[in-house]
Protein backbone atom coordinates (compact mmCIF):
# COMPACT_ATOMS: atom_id res chain seq x y z
CA MET A 1 2.37 -17.59 3.03
CA ILE A 2 -0.81 -17.95 5.07
CA SER A 3 -3.90 -17.98 2.87
CA HIS A 4 -6.61 -15.32 3.08
CA ARG A 5 -9.06 -17.81 4.51
CA ILE A 6 -6.93 -18.89 7.43
CA VAL A 7 -5.92 -15.32 8.29
CA PHE A 8 -9.55 -14.27 8.29
CA PHE A 9 -10.55 -17.32 10.29
CA LEU A 10 -7.88 -16.73 12.92
CA ALA A 11 -8.62 -13.04 13.16
CA VAL A 12 -12.36 -13.40 13.65
CA PHE A 13 -12.72 -16.58 15.65
CA CYS A 14 -9.44 -17.27 17.39
CA ILE A 15 -8.31 -13.85 18.67
CA PRO A 16 -11.06 -12.27 20.80
CA ALA A 17 -9.08 -9.04 21.21
CA THR A 18 -9.03 -8.30 17.48
CA SER A 19 -10.60 -4.90 16.79
CA ASP A 20 -13.62 -4.46 14.54
CA ALA A 21 -11.57 -2.37 12.12
CA VAL A 22 -9.01 -5.16 11.67
CA ILE A 23 -11.77 -7.72 11.18
CA LEU A 24 -13.39 -5.56 8.52
CA ASP A 25 -10.06 -5.27 6.71
CA PHE A 26 -9.69 -9.02 6.70
CA MET A 27 -13.30 -9.49 5.52
CA GLU A 28 -12.58 -7.29 2.52
CA SER A 29 -9.64 -9.47 1.49
CA ILE A 30 -11.39 -12.78 2.17
CA THR A 31 -14.40 -11.84 0.03
CA ASP A 32 -12.44 -12.01 -3.22
CA ALA A 33 -10.57 -15.14 -2.05
CA VAL A 34 -13.73 -17.20 -1.52
CA ALA A 35 -15.36 -15.82 -4.66
CA ASN A 36 -12.32 -16.75 -6.75
CA PHE A 37 -12.19 -20.22 -5.22
CA SER A 38 -15.69 -21.09 -6.43
CA GLY A 39 -15.24 -19.37 -9.79
CA THR A 40 -17.84 -16.64 -9.17
CA LYS A 41 -17.93 -13.22 -7.53
CA ASN A 42 -20.90 -12.49 -5.31
CA THR A 43 -19.63 -10.21 -2.59
CA GLU A 44 -23.04 -8.97 -1.58
CA LYS A 45 -24.18 -12.45 -0.61
CA PHE A 46 -20.89 -13.32 1.05
CA ASN A 47 -20.90 -10.30 3.32
CA SER A 48 -24.47 -10.83 4.41
CA SER A 49 -25.28 -12.80 7.51
CA PRO A 50 -27.04 -16.17 7.23
CA SER A 51 -30.24 -14.71 8.67
CA SER A 52 -30.36 -12.09 5.92
CA MET A 53 -29.87 -14.47 2.99
CA ILE A 54 -32.56 -14.45 0.34
CA THR A 55 -35.56 -16.68 0.98
CA ASN A 56 -38.31 -17.68 -1.38
CA ARG A 57 -40.81 -19.24 1.03
CA GLU A 58 -40.29 -19.15 4.77
CA GLU A 59 -40.91 -22.87 5.28
CA LYS A 60 -38.22 -23.77 2.75
CA GLY A 61 -35.48 -21.79 4.47
CA PRO A 62 -32.80 -19.63 2.85
CA VAL A 63 -31.62 -20.07 -0.71
CA LEU A 64 -27.92 -20.98 -0.58
CA ASN A 65 -25.36 -21.36 -3.33
CA LEU A 66 -21.89 -22.87 -3.06
CA ASP A 67 -20.32 -19.55 -1.99
CA ASP A 68 -22.81 -19.25 0.86
CA CYS A 69 -22.13 -22.79 2.05
CA LEU A 70 -18.37 -22.24 1.97
CA ALA A 71 -18.69 -18.97 3.88
CA LEU A 72 -20.86 -20.54 6.59
CA ALA A 73 -18.61 -23.58 6.92
CA LEU A 74 -15.43 -21.50 7.18
CA ARG A 75 -17.10 -19.34 9.79
CA ASP A 76 -18.91 -21.90 11.95
CA ASN A 77 -17.36 -25.35 11.45
CA LEU A 78 -16.42 -26.78 14.85
CA ASN A 79 -13.34 -28.69 13.67
CA LEU A 80 -11.96 -25.52 12.14
CA LYS A 81 -12.60 -23.57 15.33
CA SER A 82 -10.89 -26.32 17.32
CA GLN A 83 -7.83 -26.09 15.08
CA GLY A 84 -7.87 -22.33 15.58
CA GLN A 85 -7.58 -22.82 19.33
CA GLN A 86 -4.55 -25.02 18.69
CA VAL A 87 -2.98 -22.15 16.77
CA ILE A 88 -3.63 -19.80 19.69
CA SER A 89 -2.10 -22.31 22.11
CA SER A 90 1.01 -22.74 19.97
CA GLU A 91 1.42 -18.99 19.57
CA ALA A 92 1.22 -18.52 23.34
CA MET A 93 3.80 -21.26 23.92
CA ALA A 94 6.18 -19.67 21.42
CA SER A 95 5.84 -16.33 23.20
CA ALA A 96 6.39 -17.98 26.58
CA SER A 97 9.56 -19.76 25.37
CA MET A 98 11.02 -16.48 24.12
CA ARG A 99 10.61 -14.98 27.61
CA ASP A 100 12.89 -17.65 29.08
CA LEU A 101 15.77 -15.73 27.47
CA LEU A 102 14.96 -12.58 29.46
CA PRO A 103 16.03 -11.79 33.05
CA GLY A 104 13.90 -13.27 35.79
CA VAL A 105 12.96 -11.17 38.82
CA SER A 106 12.06 -12.72 42.16
CA VAL A 107 11.33 -11.43 45.65
CA SER A 108 11.56 -13.47 48.82
CA SER A 109 10.78 -12.44 52.38
CA GLN A 110 11.14 -14.35 55.63
CA ARG A 111 10.91 -14.05 59.36
CA SER A 112 12.94 -16.12 61.83
CA ASP A 113 12.52 -16.59 65.59
CA ILE A 114 15.14 -17.99 67.91
CA ILE A 115 13.17 -20.02 70.44
CA ASN A 116 15.88 -20.43 73.09
CA ALA A 117 17.33 -16.93 72.81
CA PRO A 118 18.22 -15.20 76.11
CA ALA A 119 15.50 -13.04 77.57
CA GLY A 120 15.58 -9.53 76.19
CA SER A 121 17.86 -10.48 73.30
CA SER A 122 17.43 -8.21 70.26
CA LEU A 123 18.24 -11.10 67.93
CA ALA A 124 15.28 -13.27 68.98
CA GLU A 125 13.23 -12.01 66.05
CA THR A 126 14.66 -11.04 62.61
CA TYR A 127 13.19 -10.13 59.22
CA SER A 128 14.84 -10.32 55.81
CA THR A 129 13.74 -9.49 52.24
CA THR A 130 15.72 -10.24 49.09
CA LEU A 131 15.21 -8.92 45.55
CA SER A 132 17.01 -10.97 42.89
CA VAL A 133 17.48 -10.59 39.16
CA THR A 134 18.81 -13.63 37.28
CA GLN A 135 19.98 -13.55 33.67
CA PRO A 136 20.77 -16.82 31.88
CA ILE A 137 24.16 -16.41 30.19
CA TYR A 138 24.79 -19.78 28.56
CA HIS A 139 22.69 -22.97 28.71
CA GLY A 140 24.25 -24.77 25.77
CA GLY A 141 21.73 -23.19 23.41
CA ALA A 142 18.84 -24.95 25.18
CA LEU A 143 16.74 -21.83 25.76
CA LEU A 144 17.25 -20.46 22.26
CA ASN A 145 16.58 -23.82 20.63
CA THR A 146 13.47 -24.33 22.73
CA TRP A 147 12.19 -20.97 21.49
CA LYS A 148 12.95 -21.93 17.89
CA LYS A 149 11.19 -25.28 18.31
CA SER A 150 8.12 -23.59 19.76
CA GLU A 151 8.04 -21.26 16.74
CA ILE A 152 8.23 -24.30 14.48
CA ALA A 153 5.34 -25.87 16.43
CA ARG A 154 3.35 -22.65 15.94
CA ASP A 155 4.05 -22.67 12.19
CA GLN A 156 3.02 -26.30 12.01
CA ALA A 157 -0.24 -25.53 13.80
CA ILE A 158 -0.95 -22.82 11.23
CA MET A 159 -0.17 -25.30 8.45
CA ASP A 160 -2.57 -27.78 10.01
CA ALA A 161 -5.22 -25.07 10.07
CA GLU A 162 -4.59 -24.22 6.41
CA ARG A 163 -4.82 -27.89 5.48
CA GLN A 164 -8.01 -28.10 7.54
CA VAL A 165 -9.43 -25.23 5.50
CA GLN A 166 -8.54 -27.01 2.26
CA THR A 167 -10.05 -30.28 3.47
CA LEU A 168 -13.20 -28.57 4.71
CA THR A 169 -13.54 -26.74 1.40
CA LYS A 170 -13.32 -30.04 -0.48
CA ASN A 171 -15.84 -31.68 1.84
CA VAL A 172 -18.29 -28.83 1.36
CA LYS A 173 -17.83 -28.96 -2.40
CA ASP A 174 -18.29 -32.74 -2.45
CA SER A 175 -21.43 -32.50 -0.32
CA TRP A 176 -22.73 -29.71 -2.55
CA ILE A 177 -22.12 -31.86 -5.64
CA ASP A 178 -23.91 -34.78 -3.97
CA LEU A 179 -26.86 -32.50 -3.22
CA LEU A 180 -27.11 -31.20 -6.80
CA LYS A 181 -26.75 -34.77 -8.06
CA ALA A 182 -29.60 -35.93 -5.80
CA ILE A 183 -31.78 -33.00 -6.89
CA ARG A 184 -31.14 -33.70 -10.56
CA GLN A 185 -31.87 -37.41 -10.13
CA THR A 186 -35.05 -36.55 -8.21
CA LYS A 187 -36.21 -34.51 -11.16
CA GLU A 188 -35.35 -37.40 -13.47
CA ALA A 189 -37.32 -39.78 -11.22
CA GLU A 190 -40.31 -37.44 -11.47
CA GLU A 191 -39.99 -37.27 -15.25
CA SER A 192 -39.57 -41.04 -15.48
CA LEU A 193 -42.66 -41.55 -13.35
CA GLU A 194 -44.62 -39.22 -15.60
CA ARG A 195 -43.44 -41.14 -18.68
CA LEU A 196 -44.59 -44.38 -17.07
CA LYS A 197 -47.98 -42.91 -16.28
CA GLU A 198 -48.34 -41.67 -19.83
CA HIS A 199 -47.50 -45.13 -21.15
CA ALA A 200 -50.05 -46.63 -18.76
CA ARG A 201 -52.72 -44.31 -20.17
CA PHE A 202 -51.83 -45.41 -23.71
CA ALA A 203 -51.90 -49.08 -22.70
CA LYS A 204 -55.29 -48.66 -21.00
CA ALA A 205 -56.73 -46.88 -24.02
CA PHE A 206 -55.44 -49.54 -26.42
CA PHE A 207 -56.77 -52.29 -24.15
CA ASP A 208 -60.19 -50.63 -24.09
CA GLU A 209 -60.10 -50.56 -27.89
CA GLY A 210 -59.12 -54.23 -27.95
CA LYS A 211 -55.75 -53.59 -29.57
CA TYR A 212 -53.57 -55.05 -26.78
CA TRP A 213 -53.87 -57.56 -23.99
CA ALA A 214 -54.54 -56.68 -20.35
CA ASN A 215 -51.01 -57.67 -19.32
CA ASP A 216 -49.74 -54.44 -20.94
CA VAL A 217 -51.86 -52.46 -18.48
CA LEU A 218 -50.82 -54.60 -15.53
CA GLN A 219 -47.15 -54.37 -16.48
CA ALA A 220 -47.43 -50.58 -16.72
CA GLN A 221 -48.98 -50.38 -13.23
CA VAL A 222 -46.14 -52.43 -11.77
CA LYS A 223 -43.60 -50.13 -13.41
CA ILE A 224 -45.40 -47.11 -11.96
CA ALA A 225 -45.05 -48.58 -8.47
CA GLN A 226 -41.35 -49.10 -9.07
CA GLY A 227 -41.04 -45.53 -10.34
CA GLU A 228 -42.70 -44.19 -7.17
CA GLN A 229 -40.22 -46.16 -5.06
CA ALA A 230 -37.33 -44.69 -7.06
CA LEU A 231 -38.71 -41.19 -6.47
CA ILE A 232 -38.93 -41.80 -2.72
CA GLU A 233 -35.30 -42.96 -2.64
CA ALA A 234 -34.20 -39.92 -4.65
CA GLU A 235 -36.02 -37.53 -2.29
CA ASN A 236 -34.38 -39.25 0.70
CA SER A 237 -31.00 -38.75 -0.96
CA VAL A 238 -31.70 -35.02 -1.18
CA ALA A 239 -32.59 -34.87 2.51
CA LEU A 240 -29.45 -36.77 3.50
CA ALA A 241 -27.23 -34.56 1.34
CA LYS A 242 -28.71 -31.45 2.98
CA SER A 243 -28.07 -32.93 6.43
CA THR A 244 -24.43 -33.56 5.54
CA LEU A 245 -24.03 -29.95 4.45
CA ASN A 246 -25.76 -28.70 7.60
CA VAL A 247 -23.26 -30.60 9.74
CA LEU A 248 -20.33 -29.05 7.87
CA MET A 249 -21.89 -25.58 8.27
CA HIS A 250 -22.72 -26.26 11.95
CA ARG A 251 -26.44 -25.72 11.36
CA PRO A 252 -29.23 -27.82 12.90
CA LEU A 253 -29.26 -31.23 11.23
CA ILE A 254 -32.68 -30.77 9.63
CA ALA A 255 -32.47 -27.01 9.10
CA PRO A 256 -34.21 -26.32 5.76
CA PHE A 257 -32.59 -24.53 2.83
CA GLU A 258 -32.92 -24.46 -0.94
CA ALA A 259 -29.96 -25.09 -3.21
CA ALA A 260 -29.34 -22.57 -5.99
CA GLY A 261 -27.37 -24.07 -8.84
CA ASP A 262 -26.92 -27.14 -10.99
CA LEU A 263 -24.12 -29.50 -11.96
CA GLU A 264 -22.03 -27.82 -14.64
CA PHE A 265 -19.17 -29.30 -16.60
CA LYS A 266 -15.83 -27.52 -16.13
CA SER A 267 -13.16 -27.95 -18.76
CA PHE A 268 -9.88 -29.37 -17.52
CA ALA A 269 -6.46 -28.65 -18.95
CA GLY A 270 -3.46 -29.41 -16.82
CA ASN A 271 0.03 -30.85 -17.08
CA LEU A 272 0.95 -33.61 -14.66
CA ASP A 273 4.50 -32.27 -14.20
CA ILE A 274 3.10 -28.88 -13.21
CA PHE A 275 0.84 -30.56 -10.67
CA PHE A 276 3.82 -32.46 -9.26
CA ASN A 277 5.81 -29.25 -8.77
CA LYS A 278 2.83 -27.43 -7.26
CA ALA A 279 2.16 -30.25 -4.82
CA LEU A 280 5.77 -30.34 -3.61
CA LYS A 281 5.58 -26.59 -3.09
CA ASN A 282 2.09 -26.13 -1.68
CA ARG A 283 1.19 -29.22 0.34
CA LYS A 284 1.05 -28.07 3.95
CA ASP A 285 1.45 -31.56 5.40
CA LEU A 286 4.65 -31.97 3.37
CA GLU A 287 5.96 -28.64 4.60
CA LYS A 288 5.09 -29.68 8.14
CA ALA A 289 7.08 -32.91 7.71
CA ARG A 290 10.12 -30.90 6.61
CA LEU A 291 9.80 -28.75 9.71
CA ASN A 292 9.80 -31.93 11.81
CA VAL A 293 13.34 -32.55 10.53
CA ALA A 294 14.41 -29.02 11.51
CA SER A 295 12.87 -29.45 14.97
CA SER A 296 14.69 -32.76 15.48
CA ARG A 297 18.00 -31.14 14.58
CA LEU A 298 17.39 -28.43 17.17
CA SER A 299 16.84 -31.15 19.77
CA GLU A 300 20.20 -32.64 18.79
CA GLN A 301 21.91 -29.28 19.23
CA THR A 302 20.28 -28.81 22.62
CA LYS A 303 21.51 -32.17 23.85
CA LYS A 304 25.05 -31.45 22.65
CA GLY A 305 24.96 -28.13 24.48
CA SER A 306 24.06 -29.88 27.75
CA MET A 307 27.61 -31.34 27.81
CA PHE A 308 28.98 -27.86 28.61
CA PRO A 309 28.64 -25.77 31.79
CA GLN A 310 25.53 -23.65 32.27
CA LEU A 311 26.21 -20.07 33.34
CA ASP A 312 23.78 -17.74 35.14
CA LEU A 313 24.37 -14.22 36.42
CA THR A 314 22.42 -13.18 39.52
CA GLY A 315 22.28 -9.77 41.18
CA SER A 316 20.47 -9.47 44.51
CA THR A 317 19.80 -6.91 47.20
CA ALA A 318 18.89 -8.04 50.74
CA TRP A 319 17.36 -6.06 53.60
CA ASN A 320 17.67 -7.35 57.22
CA ALA A 321 15.96 -5.90 60.29
CA GLN A 322 14.82 -6.75 63.82
CA ASP A 323 11.30 -5.41 63.26
CA ILE A 324 8.74 -5.71 60.49
CA SER A 325 8.96 -2.00 59.70
CA TYR A 326 12.60 -2.53 58.58
CA ASN A 327 13.78 0.52 60.51
CA HIS A 328 17.56 0.86 60.58
CA SER A 329 17.92 -1.88 57.97
CA HIS A 330 21.00 -1.84 55.76
CA PRO A 331 20.72 -3.21 52.22
CA THR A 332 23.38 -5.61 51.04
CA THR A 333 23.93 -6.02 47.27
CA THR A 334 25.71 -9.02 45.80
CA VAL A 335 26.51 -10.23 42.27
CA LEU A 336 26.85 -13.94 41.71
CA MET A 337 28.05 -15.87 38.66
CA THR A 338 26.97 -19.53 38.84
CA ALA A 339 28.38 -22.33 36.70
CA THR A 340 26.68 -25.74 36.72
CA TRP A 341 28.27 -28.67 34.93
CA ASP A 342 27.09 -32.28 34.81
CA VAL A 343 30.48 -33.93 34.54
CA TRP A 344 29.52 -37.62 34.53
CA LYS A 345 26.22 -39.48 34.01
CA TRP A 346 27.51 -42.93 33.09
CA GLY A 347 27.06 -42.35 29.36
CA LYS A 348 23.41 -41.27 29.61
CA THR A 349 23.95 -38.05 27.63
CA MET A 350 25.72 -39.91 24.83
CA LYS A 351 22.90 -42.45 24.52
CA GLU A 352 20.30 -39.69 24.48
CA GLN A 353 22.30 -38.00 21.74
CA GLN A 354 22.29 -41.21 19.69
CA SER A 355 18.53 -41.50 20.19
CA LEU A 356 17.97 -37.94 18.94
CA GLU A 357 20.20 -38.52 15.90
CA ALA A 358 18.12 -41.58 15.01
CA ALA A 359 14.94 -39.55 15.50
CA THR A 360 16.25 -36.90 13.11
CA GLU A 361 17.06 -39.52 10.50
CA LYS A 362 13.58 -41.00 10.95
CA SER A 363 11.99 -37.58 10.43
CA SER A 364 14.02 -37.13 7.25
CA LEU A 365 12.99 -40.53 5.92
CA ASP A 366 9.35 -39.86 6.82
CA ALA A 367 9.47 -36.59 4.88
CA GLN A 368 10.91 -38.36 1.84
CA ALA A 369 8.27 -41.09 2.07
CA LEU A 370 5.54 -38.47 2.31
CA GLU A 371 6.89 -36.76 -0.82
CA GLU A 372 6.58 -40.03 -2.72
CA ALA A 373 3.06 -40.57 -1.33
CA VAL A 374 2.04 -37.06 -2.33
CA LEU A 375 3.27 -37.52 -5.89
CA SER A 376 1.44 -40.85 -6.10
CA GLU A 377 -1.73 -39.20 -4.78
CA VAL A 378 -1.46 -36.43 -7.37
CA ARG A 379 -0.97 -38.89 -10.22
CA LYS A 380 -3.93 -41.00 -9.09
CA ALA A 381 -6.17 -37.92 -8.80
CA TYR A 382 -5.02 -36.68 -12.21
CA LEU A 383 -5.81 -40.01 -13.90
CA GLU A 384 -9.22 -40.14 -12.20
CA VAL A 385 -10.02 -36.67 -13.55
CA LYS A 386 -9.02 -37.65 -17.08
CA GLY A 387 -10.98 -40.89 -16.92
CA ALA A 388 -14.08 -39.23 -15.51
CA GLU A 389 -13.86 -36.51 -18.17
CA ARG A 390 -13.99 -39.10 -20.96
CA LYS A 391 -16.96 -40.86 -19.35
CA VAL A 392 -18.92 -37.60 -19.23
CA GLY A 393 -18.34 -37.02 -22.94
CA VAL A 394 -19.45 -40.53 -23.92
CA LEU A 395 -22.61 -40.46 -21.79
CA ALA A 396 -23.56 -36.96 -22.97
CA GLN A 397 -23.83 -38.31 -26.52
CA SER A 398 -25.75 -41.37 -25.32
CA ILE A 399 -28.56 -39.24 -23.84
CA ASP A 400 -29.68 -37.98 -27.26
CA GLN A 401 -29.55 -41.51 -28.63
CA ALA A 402 -31.60 -42.85 -25.70
CA LYS A 403 -34.21 -40.10 -26.19
CA GLU A 404 -34.54 -40.90 -29.88
CA ASN A 405 -34.77 -44.62 -29.15
CA PHE A 406 -37.62 -43.99 -26.69
CA ARG A 407 -39.46 -41.72 -29.13
CA VAL A 408 -39.24 -44.29 -31.95
CA ASN A 409 -40.47 -47.12 -29.73
CA GLN A 410 -43.42 -44.99 -28.58
CA ILE A 411 -44.46 -44.40 -32.17
CA ARG A 412 -44.00 -48.07 -33.08
CA TYR A 413 -46.09 -49.11 -30.09
CA GLN A 414 -48.89 -46.77 -31.09
CA GLU A 415 -48.75 -48.24 -34.60
CA LYS A 416 -48.81 -51.81 -33.20
CA LEU A 417 -45.31 -52.42 -34.59
CA SER A 418 -43.68 -53.10 -31.21
CA THR A 419 -44.65 -54.40 -27.79
CA ALA A 420 -45.03 -52.73 -24.40
CA ASN A 421 -41.78 -54.41 -23.35
CA ASP A 422 -39.97 -52.51 -26.10
CA VAL A 423 -41.35 -49.20 -24.82
CA LEU A 424 -40.57 -49.97 -21.18
CA THR A 425 -37.06 -51.13 -22.07
CA ALA A 426 -36.44 -47.92 -24.01
CA MET A 427 -37.83 -45.93 -21.08
CA ASP A 428 -35.55 -47.69 -18.61
CA LEU A 429 -32.61 -47.13 -20.93
CA LEU A 430 -33.35 -43.39 -21.08
CA THR A 431 -33.64 -43.06 -17.31
CA THR A 432 -30.52 -45.14 -16.70
CA THR A 433 -28.51 -43.15 -19.26
CA LYS A 434 -29.53 -39.82 -17.74
CA ASN A 435 -28.70 -40.99 -14.22
CA SER A 436 -25.41 -42.45 -15.41
CA HIS A 437 -24.52 -39.12 -17.00
CA THR A 438 -25.36 -37.34 -13.74
CA ASP A 439 -23.23 -39.85 -11.81
CA ALA A 440 -20.33 -39.39 -14.21
CA LEU A 441 -20.57 -35.59 -14.09
CA SER A 442 -20.66 -35.53 -10.29
CA SER A 443 -17.74 -37.98 -10.14
CA TYR A 444 -15.77 -35.77 -12.52
CA LEU A 445 -16.40 -32.64 -10.44
CA LYS A 446 -15.46 -34.48 -7.24
CA ALA A 447 -12.33 -35.80 -8.94
CA LEU A 448 -11.36 -32.21 -9.71
CA GLY A 449 -11.78 -31.40 -6.03
CA ALA A 450 -9.63 -34.38 -5.06
CA LEU A 451 -6.92 -33.17 -7.44
CA GLU A 452 -7.09 -29.69 -5.92
CA LEU A 453 -6.64 -31.16 -2.44
CA ALA A 454 -3.81 -33.41 -3.62
CA VAL A 455 -1.97 -30.48 -5.19
CA GLY A 456 -2.78 -28.09 -2.33
CA ILE A 457 -4.07 -25.33 -4.63
CA ASP A 458 -7.44 -24.81 -6.31
CA MET A 459 -7.73 -24.76 -10.08
CA GLY A 460 -8.84 -21.12 -10.07
CA GLU A 461 -5.57 -20.04 -8.47
CA LEU A 462 -3.63 -22.23 -10.89
CA GLU A 463 -5.34 -20.63 -13.90
CA HIS A 464 -4.64 -17.20 -12.41
CA GLU A 465 -0.94 -18.03 -12.12
CA LYS A 466 -0.88 -19.22 -15.74
CA ASN A 467 -2.46 -15.96 -16.91
CA ASN A 468 0.07 -13.92 -14.95
CA GLU A 469 2.90 -15.87 -16.53
């Protein structure tokens, strides 16, 4: 079954003749599909155009959430539009192949002049017009099989488009996660820089009171410079992540926007066997590989059919006259049955048949190999999700411990019970732990997206199926 997204995409962007009423019907169905995919329902935002999206300050651009980014990407992404044109092309070819089974109508007209005809001869100039209708009777199944193969090619193009939608959705989600990660780490860099400045103020005050040496102040200033560099790098990461999203949404590379949202942990509960079964059922590239086998078998049947005579039935009516007005012309109607048979080609047909049989076997083996690769991909993605999930849990506990460690070392430093190195080490440990937790959380969320792509179905749909069961 074609997903809501691809149907909407094809209707709006690939079929110019689609009426507004049909497009509106598709938009109503796609609204819930995209909202369910991201785990939220925000139909008002989804149905609004990009120019009408909420803005806070004009210079910062629109405020976009993940739903908005997905909607813009599915609407404007150039690769997706290109794949849509491939679907249109395949659909047209399938329709054209079907028409080869229908009667063909042709008209021919000619004039002939006899150069050396006797003077005054009425036959010196003649006109003739012929109307013919030809119906293929039997071509060894070639015409029918060609039509079936073109329908398979059309279905494969649609599958490619659906897979393109899934891949684009994952890329948008990954880029969105990278953006939220960069924003969170920018905030942490700002907080870390503020902690360093606060420590520098303490060190300067203690130095003025004669409690500590000047190297504490100098060391704090060096750390502040390093913190400012880290903040610059974090801000650049935000800008790069926004540019990546703009490319996916086909917006200007440096078009401004504000991201609404934050990295949030999503619980994961899934059985590997269920994911295996879902992947074998839902992976569009796997389904396409199976259709390659069916297409190869049709080619075999076509080649076998070429060993038999080809029959065509033709009915024609001819008009002949001595003047262009066709006065006094008498129509002549004929019916012709034509049989064409290639009796001997020195074994060429047999060798071509052997080649097609080998191609069919190759397609079958390729499909089996792809099944194994898909299962391996699913298992790898599943293990990465489980591993990343455990890392998030461990680092979440470490943040509280790092905060407490920093607080204790601050107090000890103020009481002259520890050195500035102890405080700075605790500060670095806190910053590193927070950033590591952010890295682990973003890796976990991206691993979930990789598992969704490997299975060919998003986790929201999987949970919905479980609830229905």
